[in-house]
């Protein structure tokens, strides 16, 4: 997943995040975009996730950005370690399944 793909996703999800956070103005949009981008990047690295439409991943991204917004980022991993581990296992198993597919010699 490229940074440009993440930024496009953030642009598409910004209004949903603002609605969830009950933020009505556009004054903080640049800061909110940065928080969502760093949250998505971090969680993709932590979990190996490849699908930004995964509802669990979206929720975790929003929650991590919310923690960052409220200056409580140091508490996020401890409070969400089960969900992070669940995604890590899910995407790890999917990767293993892809690795075990027989090669056909076709591309």
PDB file of N, CA and C in Angstrom:
ATOM      1  N   UNK A   1       0.856  -1.170   0.000  1.00  0.00           N
ATOM      2  CA  UNK A   1       0.000   0.000   0.000  1.00  0.00           C
ATOM      3  C   UNK A   1       0.903   1.234   0.000  1.00  0.00           C
ATOM      4  N   UNK A   2       0.640   2.135  -0.922  1.00  0.00           N
ATOM      5  CA  UNK A   2       1.480   3.324  -1.032  1.00  0.00           C
ATOM      6  C   UNK A   2       0.920   4.462  -0.178  1.00  0.00           C
ATOM      7  N   UNK A   3       1.789   5.429   0.085  1.00  0.00           N
ATOM      8  CA  UNK A   3       1.362   6.599   0.844  1.00  0.00           C
ATOM      9  C   UNK A   3       0.269   7.357   0.099  1.00  0.00           C
ATOM     10  N   UNK A   4       0.352   7.401  -1.211  1.00  0.00           N
ATOM     11  CA  UNK A   4      -0.684   8.088  -2.005  1.00  0.00           C
ATOM     12  C   UNK A   4      -2.038   7.389  -1.866  1.00  0.00           C
ATOM     13  N   UNK A   5      -2.044   6.064  -1.838  1.00  0.00           N
ATOM     14  CA  UNK A   5      -3.295   5.317  -1.635  1.00  0.00           C
ATOM     15  C   UNK A   5      -3.873   5.609  -0.258  1.00  0.00           C
ATOM     16  N   UNK A   6      -3.006   5.693   0.734  1.00  0.00           N
ATOM     17  CA  UNK A   6      -3.465   6.010   2.088  1.00  0.00           C
ATOM     18  C   UNK A   6      -4.031   7.420   2.138  1.00  0.00           C
ATOM     19  N   UNK A   7      -3.360   8.375   1.508  1.00  0.00           N
ATOM     20  CA  UNK A   7      -3.842   9.760   1.507  1.00  0.00           C
ATOM     21  C   UNK A   7      -5.185   9.880   0.791  1.00  0.00           C
ATOM     22  N   UNK A   8      -5.371   9.150  -0.281  1.00  0.00           N
ATOM     23  CA  UNK A   8      -6.660   9.146  -0.978  1.00  0.00           C
ATOM     24  C   UNK A   8      -7.743   8.582  -0.067  1.00  0.00           C
ATOM     25  N   UNK A   9      -7.425   7.486   0.627  1.00  0.00           N
ATOM     26  CA  UNK A   9      -8.372   6.891   1.568  1.00  0.00           C
ATOM     27  C   UNK A   9      -8.727   7.895   2.658  1.00  0.00           C
ATOM     28  N   UNK A  10      -7.719   8.596   3.194  1.00  0.00           N
ATOM     29  CA  UNK A  10      -7.949   9.594   4.243  1.00  0.00           C
ATOM     30  C   UNK A  10      -8.882  10.688   3.731  1.00  0.00           C
ATOM     31  N   UNK A  11      -8.646  11.179   2.521  1.00  0.00           N
ATOM     32  CA  UNK A  11      -9.522  12.204   1.955  1.00  0.00           C
ATOM     33  C   UNK A  11     -10.966  11.718   1.864  1.00  0.00           C
ATOM     34  N   UNK A  12     -11.132  10.439   1.528  1.00  0.00           N
ATOM     35  CA  UNK A  12     -12.480   9.878   1.410  1.00  0.00           C
ATOM     36  C   UNK A  12     -13.146   9.619   2.762  1.00  0.00           C
ATOM     37  N   UNK A  13     -12.361   9.424   3.805  1.00  0.00           N
ATOM     38  CA  UNK A  13     -12.905   9.099   5.129  1.00  0.00           C
ATOM     39  C   UNK A  13     -12.927  10.278   6.094  1.00  0.00           C
ATOM     40  N   UNK A  14     -12.361  11.416   5.710  1.00  0.00           N
ATOM     41  CA  UNK A  14     -12.263  12.547   6.627  1.00  0.00           C
ATOM     42  C   UNK A  14     -13.616  12.978   7.171  1.00  0.00           C
ATOM     43  N   UNK A  15     -14.619  13.083   6.313  1.00  0.00           N
ATOM     44  CA  UNK A  15     -15.932  13.540   6.788  1.00  0.00           C
ATOM     45  C   UNK A  15     -16.554  12.544   7.769  1.00  0.00           C
ATOM     46  N   UNK A  16     -16.355  11.242   7.542  1.00  0.00           N
ATOM     47  CA  UNK A  16     -16.879  10.227   8.471  1.00  0.00           C
ATOM     48  C   UNK A  16     -16.167  10.335   9.815  1.00  0.00           C
ATOM     49  N   UNK A  17     -14.862  10.581   9.790  1.00  0.00           N
ATOM     50  CA  UNK A  17     -14.116  10.733  11.035  1.00  0.00           C
ATOM     51  C   UNK A  17     -14.571  11.980  11.782  1.00  0.00           C
ATOM     52  N   UNK A  18     -14.760  13.076  11.068  1.00  0.00           N
ATOM     53  CA  UNK A  18     -15.221  14.310  11.711  1.00  0.00           C
ATOM     54  C   UNK A  18     -16.606  14.132  12.310  1.00  0.00           C
ATOM     55  N   UNK A  19     -17.467  13.407  11.634  1.00  0.00           N
ATOM     56  CA  UNK A  19     -18.802  13.129  12.164  1.00  0.00           C
ATOM     57  C   UNK A  19     -18.701  12.311  13.448  1.00  0.00           C
ATOM     58  N   UNK A  20     -17.860  11.304  13.443  1.00  0.00           N
ATOM     59  CA  UNK A  20     -17.668  10.465  14.635  1.00  0.00           C
ATOM     60  C   UNK A  20     -17.098  11.269  15.802  1.00  0.00           C
ATOM     61  N   UNK A  21     -16.219  12.228  15.480  1.00  0.00           N
ATOM     62  CA  UNK A  21     -15.583  13.048  16.507  1.00  0.00           C
ATOM     63  C   UNK A  21     -16.427  14.273  16.873  1.00  0.00           C
ATOM     64  N   UNK A  22     -17.518  14.466  16.152  1.00  0.00           N
ATOM     65  CA  UNK A  22     -18.393  15.624  16.350  1.00  0.00           C
ATOM     66  C   UNK A  22     -17.649  16.940  16.131  1.00  0.00           C
ATOM     67  N   UNK A  23     -16.894  16.974  15.041  1.00  0.00           N
ATOM     68  CA  UNK A  23     -16.161  18.175  14.640  1.00  0.00           C
ATOM     69  C   UNK A  23     -16.886  18.745  13.433  1.00  0.00           C
ATOM     70  N   UNK A  24     -17.400  19.960  13.579  1.00  0.00           N
ATOM     71  CA  UNK A  24     -18.198  20.550  12.513  1.00  0.00           C
ATOM     72  C   UNK A  24     -17.460  21.518  11.616  1.00  0.00           C
ATOM     73  N   UNK A  25     -16.348  22.041  12.069  1.00  0.00           N
ATOM     74  CA  UNK A  25     -15.635  23.038  11.267  1.00  0.00           C
ATOM     75  C   UNK A  25     -14.547  22.379  10.430  1.00  0.00           C
ATOM     76  N   UNK A  26     -14.029  23.154   9.496  1.00  0.00           N
ATOM     77  CA  UNK A  26     -12.944  22.680   8.642  1.00  0.00           C
ATOM     78  C   UNK A  26     -11.586  23.180   9.125  1.00  0.00           C
ATOM     79  N   UNK A  27     -11.558  23.892  10.235  1.00  0.00           N
ATOM     80  CA  UNK A  27     -10.332  24.529  10.713  1.00  0.00           C
ATOM     81  C   UNK A  27      -9.228  23.522  11.025  1.00  0.00           C
ATOM     82  N   UNK A  28      -9.586  22.320  11.433  1.00  0.00           N
ATOM     83  CA  UNK A  28      -8.590  21.323  11.838  1.00  0.00           C
ATOM     84  C   UNK A  28      -8.338  20.249  10.778  1.00  0.00           C
ATOM     85  N   UNK A  29      -8.856  20.432   9.577  1.00  0.00           N
ATOM     86  CA  UNK A  29      -8.767  19.383   8.559  1.00  0.00           C
ATOM     87  C   UNK A  29      -7.337  18.928   8.278  1.00  0.00           C
ATOM     88  N   UNK A  30      -6.415  19.857   8.163  1.00  0.00           N
ATOM     89  CA  UNK A  30      -5.031  19.485   7.864  1.00  0.00           C
ATOM     90  C   UNK A  30      -4.473  18.605   8.976  1.00  0.00           C
ATOM     91  N   UNK A  31      -4.705  18.983  10.217  1.00  0.00           N
ATOM     92  CA  UNK A  31      -4.238  18.215  11.361  1.00  0.00           C
ATOM     93  C   UNK A  31      -4.930  16.847  11.425  1.00  0.00           C
ATOM     94  N   UNK A  32      -6.223  16.811  11.158  1.00  0.00           N
ATOM     95  CA  UNK A  32      -6.965  15.548  11.177  1.00  0.00           C
ATOM     96  C   UNK A  32      -6.474  14.613  10.076  1.00  0.00           C
ATOM     97  N   UNK A  33      -6.181  15.153   8.900  1.00  0.00           N
ATOM     98  CA  UNK A  33      -5.641  14.334   7.810  1.00  0.00           C
ATOM     99  C   UNK A  33      -4.304  13.704   8.226  1.00  0.00           C
ATOM    100  N   UNK A  34      -3.470  14.491   8.879  1.00  0.00           N
ATOM    101  CA  UNK A  34      -2.167  13.986   9.327  1.00  0.00           C
ATOM    102  C   UNK A  34      -2.368  12.866  10.342  1.00  0.00           C
ATOM    103  N   UNK A  35      -3.303  13.039  11.268  1.00  0.00           N
ATOM    104  CA  UNK A  35      -3.568  12.016  12.279  1.00  0.00           C
ATOM    105  C   UNK A  35      -4.088  10.729  11.649  1.00  0.00           C
ATOM    106  N   UNK A  36      -5.000  10.860  10.706  1.00  0.00           N
ATOM    107  CA  UNK A  36      -5.539   9.675  10.035  1.00  0.00           C
ATOM    108  C   UNK A  36      -4.468   8.984   9.198  1.00  0.00           C
ATOM    109  N   UNK A  37      -3.636   9.768   8.528  1.00  0.00           N
ATOM    110  CA  UNK A  37      -2.566   9.191   7.704  1.00  0.00           C
ATOM    111  C   UNK A  37      -1.567   8.434   8.571  1.00  0.00           C
ATOM    112  N   UNK A  38      -1.136   9.043   9.667  1.00  0.00           N
ATOM    113  CA  UNK A  38      -0.169   8.359  10.535  1.00  0.00           C
ATOM    114  C   UNK A  38      -0.805   7.140  11.203  1.00  0.00           C
ATOM    115  N   UNK A  39      -2.075   7.229  11.534  1.00  0.00           N
ATOM    116  CA  UNK A  39      -2.760   6.088  12.148  1.00  0.00           C
ATOM    117  C   UNK A  39      -2.884   4.936  11.162  1.00  0.00           C
ATOM    118  N   UNK A  40      -3.274   5.236   9.933  1.00  0.00           N
ATOM    119  CA  UNK A  40      -3.397   4.189   8.914  1.00  0.00           C
ATOM    120  C   UNK A  40      -2.043   3.549   8.635  1.00  0.00           C
ATOM    121  N   UNK A  41      -1.021   4.367   8.481  1.00  0.00           N
ATOM    122  CA  UNK A  41       0.317   3.854   8.199  1.00  0.00           C
ATOM    123  C   UNK A  41       0.806   2.959   9.336  1.00  0.00           C
ATOM    124  N   UNK A  42       0.635   3.412  10.558  1.00  0.00           N
ATOM    125  CA  UNK A  42       1.082   2.642  11.720  1.00  0.00           C
ATOM    126  C   UNK A  42       0.349   1.314  11.816  1.00  0.00           C
ATOM    127  N   UNK A  43      -0.965   1.343  11.650  1.00  0.00           N
ATOM    128  CA  UNK A  43      -1.740   0.107  11.802  1.00  0.00           C
ATOM    129  C   UNK A  43      -1.500  -0.872  10.654  1.00  0.00           C
ATOM    130  N   UNK A  44      -1.249  -0.365   9.471  1.00  0.00           N
ATOM    131  CA  UNK A  44      -0.897  -1.251   8.354  1.00  0.00           C
ATOM    132  C   UNK A  44       0.417  -1.955   8.665  1.00  0.00           C
ATOM    133  N   UNK A  45       1.372  -1.199   9.207  1.00  0.00           N
ATOM    134  CA  UNK A  45       2.660  -1.804   9.570  1.00  0.00           C
ATOM    135  C   UNK A  45       2.510  -2.803  10.710  1.00  0.00           C
ATOM    136  N   UNK A  46       1.689  -2.481  11.707  1.00  0.00           N
ATOM    137  CA  UNK A  46       1.515  -3.370  12.860  1.00  0.00           C
ATOM    138  C   UNK A  46       0.784  -4.659  12.513  1.00  0.00           C
ATOM    139  N   UNK A  47      -0.185  -4.570  11.612  1.00  0.00           N
ATOM    140  CA  UNK A  47      -1.058  -5.712  11.354  1.00  0.00           C
ATOM    141  C   UNK A  47      -0.780  -6.434  10.038  1.00  0.00           C
ATOM    142  N   UNK A  48      -0.097  -5.777   9.135  1.00  0.00           N
ATOM    143  CA  UNK A  48       0.089  -6.366   7.813  1.00  0.00           C
ATOM    144  C   UNK A  48      -1.158  -6.249   6.955  1.00  0.00           C
ATOM    145  N   UNK A  49      -2.109  -5.435   7.386  1.00  0.00           N
ATOM    146  CA  UNK A  49      -3.383  -5.285   6.670  1.00  0.00           C
ATOM    147  C   UNK A  49      -3.148  -4.761   5.263  1.00  0.00           C
ATOM    148  N   UNK A  50      -3.986  -5.233   4.356  1.00  0.00           N
ATOM    149  CA  UNK A  50      -3.902  -4.802   2.965  1.00  0.00           C
ATOM    150  C   UNK A  50      -5.209  -4.215   2.449  1.00  0.00           C
ATOM    151  N   UNK A  51      -6.238  -4.267   3.268  1.00  0.00           N
ATOM    152  CA  UNK A  51      -7.569  -3.838   2.840  1.00  0.00           C
ATOM    153  C   UNK A  51      -8.049  -2.698   3.731  1.00  0.00           C
ATOM    154  N   UNK A  52      -7.957  -1.476   3.226  1.00  0.00           N
ATOM    155  CA  UNK A  52      -8.388  -0.315   4.007  1.00  0.00           C
ATOM    156  C   UNK A  52      -9.896  -0.234   4.159  1.00  0.00           C
ATOM    157  N   UNK A  53     -10.630  -1.132   3.532  1.00  0.00           N
ATOM    158  CA  UNK A  53     -12.084  -1.163   3.706  1.00  0.00           C
ATOM    159  C   UNK A  53     -12.505  -2.173   4.778  1.00  0.00           C
ATOM    160  N   UNK A  54     -11.543  -2.855   5.377  1.00  0.00           N
ATOM    161  CA  UNK A  54     -11.840  -3.787   6.461  1.00  0.00           C
ATOM    162  C   UNK A  54     -12.437  -2.975   7.617  1.00  0.00           C
ATOM    163  N   UNK A  55     -13.672  -3.278   8.028  1.00  0.00           N
ATOM    164  CA  UNK A  55     -14.325  -2.477   9.070  1.00  0.00           C
ATOM    165  C   UNK A  55     -13.548  -2.427  10.387  1.00  0.00           C
ATOM    166  N   UNK A  56     -12.895  -3.521  10.750  1.00  0.00           N
ATOM    167  CA  UNK A  56     -12.106  -3.516  11.984  1.00  0.00           C
ATOM    168  C   UNK A  56     -10.917  -2.582  11.851  1.00  0.00           C
ATOM    169  N   UNK A  57     -10.251  -2.606  10.710  1.00  0.00           N
ATOM    170  CA  UNK A  57      -9.111  -1.722  10.481  1.00  0.00           C
ATOM    171  C   UNK A  57      -9.549  -0.260  10.479  1.00  0.00           C
ATOM    172  N   UNK A  58     -10.655   0.046   9.814  1.00  0.00           N
ATOM    173  CA  UNK A  58     -11.166   1.423   9.777  1.00  0.00           C
ATOM    174  C   UNK A  58     -11.447   1.908  11.199  1.00  0.00           C
ATOM    175  N   UNK A  59     -12.095   1.074  11.982  1.00  0.00           N
ATOM    176  CA  UNK A  59     -12.406   1.440  13.361  1.00  0.00           C
ATOM    177  C   UNK A  59     -11.130   1.696  14.159  1.00  0.00           C
ATOM    178  N   UNK A  60     -10.135   0.832  13.996  1.00  0.00           N
ATOM    179  CA  UNK A  60      -8.867   1.020  14.702  1.00  0.00           C
ATOM    180  C   UNK A  60      -8.158   2.301  14.265  1.00  0.00           C
ATOM    181  N   UNK A  61      -8.190   2.591  12.982  1.00  0.00           N
ATOM    182  CA  UNK A  61      -7.572   3.827  12.482  1.00  0.00           C
ATOM    183  C   UNK A  61      -8.260   5.035  13.104  1.00  0.00           C
ATOM    184  N   UNK A  62      -9.582   5.037  13.101  1.00  0.00           N
ATOM    185  CA  UNK A  62     -10.327   6.149  13.695  1.00  0.00           C
ATOM    186  C   UNK A  62     -10.026   6.253  15.195  1.00  0.00           C
ATOM    187  N   UNK A  63      -9.992   5.110  15.873  1.00  0.00           N
ATOM    188  CA  UNK A  63      -9.733   5.139  17.315  1.00  0.00           C
ATOM    189  C   UNK A  63      -8.322   5.633  17.624  1.00  0.00           C
ATOM    190  N   UNK A  64      -7.335   5.193  16.852  1.00  0.00           N
ATOM    191  CA  UNK A  64      -5.968   5.661  17.090  1.00  0.00           C
ATOM    192  C   UNK A  64      -5.873   7.166  16.848  1.00  0.00           C
ATOM    193  N   UNK A  65      -6.515   7.645  15.793  1.00  0.00           N
ATOM    194  CA  UNK A  65      -6.510   9.086  15.518  1.00  0.00           C
ATOM    195  C   UNK A  65      -7.219   9.851  16.635  1.00  0.00           C
ATOM    196  N   UNK A  66      -8.275   9.274  17.178  1.00  0.00           N
ATOM    197  CA  UNK A  66      -8.988   9.902  18.296  1.00  0.00           C
ATOM    198  C   UNK A  66      -8.095   9.990  19.523  1.00  0.00           C
ATOM    199  N   UNK A  67      -7.368   8.932  19.799  1.00  0.00           N
ATOM    200  CA  UNK A  67      -6.425   8.957  20.920  1.00  0.00           C
ATOM    201  C   UNK A  67      -5.356  10.031  20.693  1.00  0.00           C
ATOM    202  N   UNK A  68      -4.854  10.108  19.470  1.00  0.00           N
ATOM    203  CA  UNK A  68      -3.851  11.131  19.164  1.00  0.00           C
ATOM    204  C   UNK A  68      -4.440  12.526  19.333  1.00  0.00           C
ATOM    205  N   UNK A  69      -5.659  12.728  18.862  1.00  0.00           N
ATOM    206  CA  UNK A  69      -6.342  14.017  18.982  1.00  0.00           C
ATOM    207  C   UNK A  69      -6.472  14.435  20.438  1.00  0.00           C
ATOM    208  N   UNK A  70      -6.712  13.464  21.309  1.00  0.00           N
ATOM    209  CA  UNK A  70      -6.901  13.725  22.732  1.00  0.00           C
ATOM    210  C   UNK A  70      -5.613  13.584  23.552  1.00  0.00           C
ATOM    211  N   UNK A  71      -4.468  13.573  22.880  1.00  0.00           N
ATOM    212  CA  UNK A  71      -3.158  13.474  23.535  1.00  0.00           C
ATOM    213  C   UNK A  71      -3.054  12.266  24.458  1.00  0.00           C
ATOM    214  N   UNK A  72      -3.597  11.140  24.019  1.00  0.00           N
ATOM    215  CA  UNK A  72      -3.549   9.916  24.822  1.00  0.00           C
ATOM    216  C   UNK A  72      -2.993   8.749  24.004  1.00  0.00           C
ATOM    217  N   UNK A  73      -2.187   9.064  23.004  1.00  0.00           N
ATOM    218  CA  UNK A  73      -1.694   8.040  22.082  1.00  0.00           C
ATOM    219  C   UNK A  73      -0.913   6.937  22.798  1.00  0.00           C
ATOM    220  N   UNK A  74      -0.253   7.276  23.876  1.00  0.00           N
ATOM    221  CA  UNK A  74       0.521   6.288  24.623  1.00  0.00           C
ATOM    222  C   UNK A  74      -0.360   5.184  25.210  1.00  0.00           C
ATOM    223  N   UNK A  75      -1.651   5.393  25.300  1.00  0.00           N
ATOM    224  CA  UNK A  75      -2.572   4.403  25.852  1.00  0.00           C
ATOM    225  C   UNK A  75      -3.218   3.520  24.791  1.00  0.00           C
ATOM    226  N   UNK A  76      -3.079   3.884  23.523  1.00  0.00           N
ATOM    227  CA  UNK A  76      -3.814   3.204  22.461  1.00  0.00           C
ATOM    228  C   UNK A  76      -3.457   1.719  22.338  1.00  0.00           C
ATOM    229  N   UNK A  77      -2.191   1.413  22.175  1.00  0.00           N
ATOM    230  CA  UNK A  77      -1.793   0.020  21.938  1.00  0.00           C
ATOM    231  C   UNK A  77      -2.207  -0.870  23.101  1.00  0.00           C
ATOM    232  N   UNK A  78      -2.046  -0.401  24.315  1.00  0.00           N
ATOM    233  CA  UNK A  78      -2.453  -1.186  25.473  1.00  0.00           C
ATOM    234  C   UNK A  78      -3.942  -1.459  25.504  1.00  0.00           C
ATOM    235  N   UNK A  79      -4.728  -0.475  25.102  1.00  0.00           N
ATOM    236  CA  UNK A  79      -6.187  -0.631  25.131  1.00  0.00           C
ATOM    237  C   UNK A  79      -6.735  -1.422  23.940  1.00  0.00           C
ATOM    238  N   UNK A  80      -5.987  -1.496  22.861  1.00  0.00           N
ATOM    239  CA  UNK A  80      -6.475  -2.144  21.642  1.00  0.00           C
ATOM    240  C   UNK A  80      -5.588  -3.301  21.190  1.00  0.00           C
ATOM    241  N   UNK A  81      -4.758  -3.826  22.075  1.00  0.00           N
ATOM    242  CA  UNK A  81      -3.833  -4.876  21.660  1.00  0.00           C
ATOM    243  C   UNK A  81      -4.545  -6.124  21.140  1.00  0.00           C
ATOM    244  N   UNK A  82      -5.696  -6.459  21.689  1.00  0.00           N
ATOM    245  CA  UNK A  82      -6.416  -7.653  21.213  1.00  0.00           C
ATOM    246  C   UNK A  82      -6.889  -7.487  19.773  1.00  0.00           C
ATOM    247  N   UNK A  83      -7.449  -6.316  19.451  1.00  0.00           N
ATOM    248  CA  UNK A  83      -7.925  -6.064  18.094  1.00  0.00           C
ATOM    249  C   UNK A  83      -6.754  -6.008  17.105  1.00  0.00           C
ATOM    250  N   UNK A  84      -5.647  -5.395  17.537  1.00  0.00           N
ATOM    251  CA  UNK A  84      -4.457  -5.316  16.681  1.00  0.00           C
ATOM    252  C   UNK A  84      -3.918  -6.719  16.419  1.00  0.00           C
ATOM    253  N   UNK A  85      -3.822  -7.532  17.460  1.00  0.00           N
ATOM    254  CA  UNK A  85      -3.339  -8.904  17.297  1.00  0.00           C
ATOM    255  C   UNK A  85      -4.274  -9.731  16.426  1.00  0.00           C
ATOM    256  N   UNK A  86      -5.577  -9.526  16.568  1.00  0.00           N
ATOM    257  CA  UNK A  86      -6.544 -10.250  15.758  1.00  0.00           C
ATOM    258  C   UNK A  86      -6.322  -9.964  14.274  1.00  0.00           C
ATOM    259  N   UNK A  87      -6.138  -8.686  13.936  1.00  0.00           N
ATOM    260  CA  UNK A  87      -5.889  -8.337  12.538  1.00  0.00           C
ATOM    261  C   UNK A  87      -4.544  -8.886  12.067  1.00  0.00           C
ATOM    262  N   UNK A  88      -3.548  -8.836  12.938  1.00  0.00           N
ATOM    263  CA  UNK A  88      -2.231  -9.365  12.592  1.00  0.00           C
ATOM    264  C   UNK A  88      -2.336 -10.843  12.225  1.00  0.00           C
ATOM    265  N   UNK A  89      -3.054 -11.598  13.034  1.00  0.00           N
ATOM    266  CA  UNK A  89      -3.228 -13.020  12.768  1.00  0.00           C
ATOM    267  C   UNK A  89      -4.047 -13.221  11.492  1.00  0.00           C
ATOM    268  N   UNK A  90      -5.138 -12.470  11.348  1.00  0.00           N
ATOM    269  CA  UNK A  90      -5.985 -12.595  10.158  1.00  0.00           C
ATOM    270  C   UNK A  90      -5.195 -12.360   8.884  1.00  0.00           C
ATOM    271  N   UNK A  91      -4.459 -11.267   8.818  1.00  0.00           N
ATOM    272  CA  UNK A  91      -3.720 -10.951   7.600  1.00  0.00           C
ATOM    273  C   UNK A  91      -2.498 -11.841   7.444  1.00  0.00           C
ATOM    274  N   UNK A  92      -1.928 -12.294   8.560  1.00  0.00           N
ATOM    275  CA  UNK A  92      -0.822 -13.235   8.477  1.00  0.00           C
ATOM    276  C   UNK A  92      -1.268 -14.564   7.899  1.00  0.00           C
ATOM    277  N   UNK A  93      -2.439 -15.032   8.325  1.00  0.00           N
ATOM    278  CA  UNK A  93      -2.969 -16.289   7.800  1.00  0.00           C
ATOM    279  C   UNK A  93      -3.341 -16.167   6.329  1.00  0.00           C
ATOM    280  N   UNK A  94      -3.887 -15.017   5.944  1.00  0.00           N
ATOM    281  CA  UNK A  94      -4.212 -14.810   4.527  1.00  0.00           C
ATOM    282  C   UNK A  94      -2.941 -14.828   3.694  1.00  0.00           C
ATOM    283  N   UNK A  95      -1.891 -14.224   4.217  1.00  0.00           N
ATOM    284  CA  UNK A  95      -0.608 -14.227   3.513  1.00  0.00           C
ATOM    285  C   UNK A  95      -0.048 -15.626   3.386  1.00  0.00           C
ATOM    286  N   UNK A  96      -0.192 -16.423   4.463  1.00  0.00           N
ATOM    287  CA  UNK A  96       0.264 -17.809   4.415  1.00  0.00           C
ATOM    288  C   UNK A  96      -0.513 -18.605   3.383  1.00  0.00           C
ATOM    289  N   UNK A  97      -1.819 -18.355   3.285  1.00  0.00           N
ATOM    290  CA  UNK A  97      -2.640 -19.063   2.306  1.00  0.00           C
ATOM    291  C   UNK A  97      -2.194 -18.706   0.895  1.00  0.00           C
ATOM    292  N   UNK A  98      -1.862 -17.433   0.673  1.00  0.00           N
ATOM    293  CA  UNK A  98      -1.376 -17.014  -0.639  1.00  0.00           C
ATOM    294  C   UNK A  98      -0.037 -17.664  -0.957  1.00  0.00           C
ATOM    295  N   UNK A  99       0.809 -17.813   0.060  1.00  0.00           N
ATOM    296  CA  UNK A  99       2.118 -18.423  -0.126  1.00  0.00           C
ATOM    297  C   UNK A  99       2.011 -19.909  -0.469  1.00  0.00           C
ATOM    298  N   UNK A 100       0.931 -20.556  -0.033  1.00  0.00           N
ATOM    299  CA  UNK A 100       0.774 -21.987  -0.247  1.00  0.00           C
ATOM    300  C   UNK A 100       0.048 -22.339  -1.533  1.00  0.00           C
ATOM    301  N   UNK A 101      -0.368 -21.332  -2.305  1.00  0.00           N
ATOM    302  CA  UNK A 101      -1.043 -21.611  -3.568  1.00  0.00           C
ATOM    303  C   UNK A 101      -0.009 -22.163  -4.551  1.00  0.00           C
ATOM    304  N   UNK A 102      -0.392 -23.171  -5.308  1.00  0.00           N
ATOM    305  CA  UNK A 102       0.560 -23.741  -6.278  1.00  0.00           C
ATOM    306  C   UNK A 102       0.827 -22.734  -7.387  1.00  0.00           C
ATOM    307  N   UNK A 103       2.063 -22.734  -7.838  1.00  0.00           N
ATOM    308  CA  UNK A 103       2.426 -21.843  -8.943  1.00  0.00           C
ATOM    309  C   UNK A 103       1.972 -22.488 -10.229  1.00  0.00           C
ATOM    310  N   UNK A 104       1.370 -21.682 -11.090  1.00  0.00           N
ATOM    311  CA  UNK A 104       0.867 -22.207 -12.358  1.00  0.00           C
ATOM    312  C   UNK A 104       1.807 -21.914 -13.505  1.00  0.00           C
ATOM    313  N   UNK A 105       2.771 -21.035 -13.265  1.00  0.00           N
ATOM    314  CA  UNK A 105       3.675 -20.665 -14.340  1.00  0.00           C
ATOM    315  C   UNK A 105       3.106 -19.592 -15.239  1.00  0.00           C
ATOM    316  N   UNK A 106       1.866 -19.159 -14.940  1.00  0.00           N
ATOM    317  CA  UNK A 106       1.232 -18.105 -15.713  1.00  0.00           C
ATOM    318  C   UNK A 106       1.279 -16.820 -14.917  1.00  0.00           C
ATOM    319  N   UNK A 107       1.425 -15.716 -15.614  1.00  0.00           N
ATOM    320  CA  UNK A 107       1.412 -14.415 -14.941  1.00  0.00           C
ATOM    321  C   UNK A 107       0.358 -13.543 -15.527  1.00  0.00           C
TER     322      UNK A 107
END
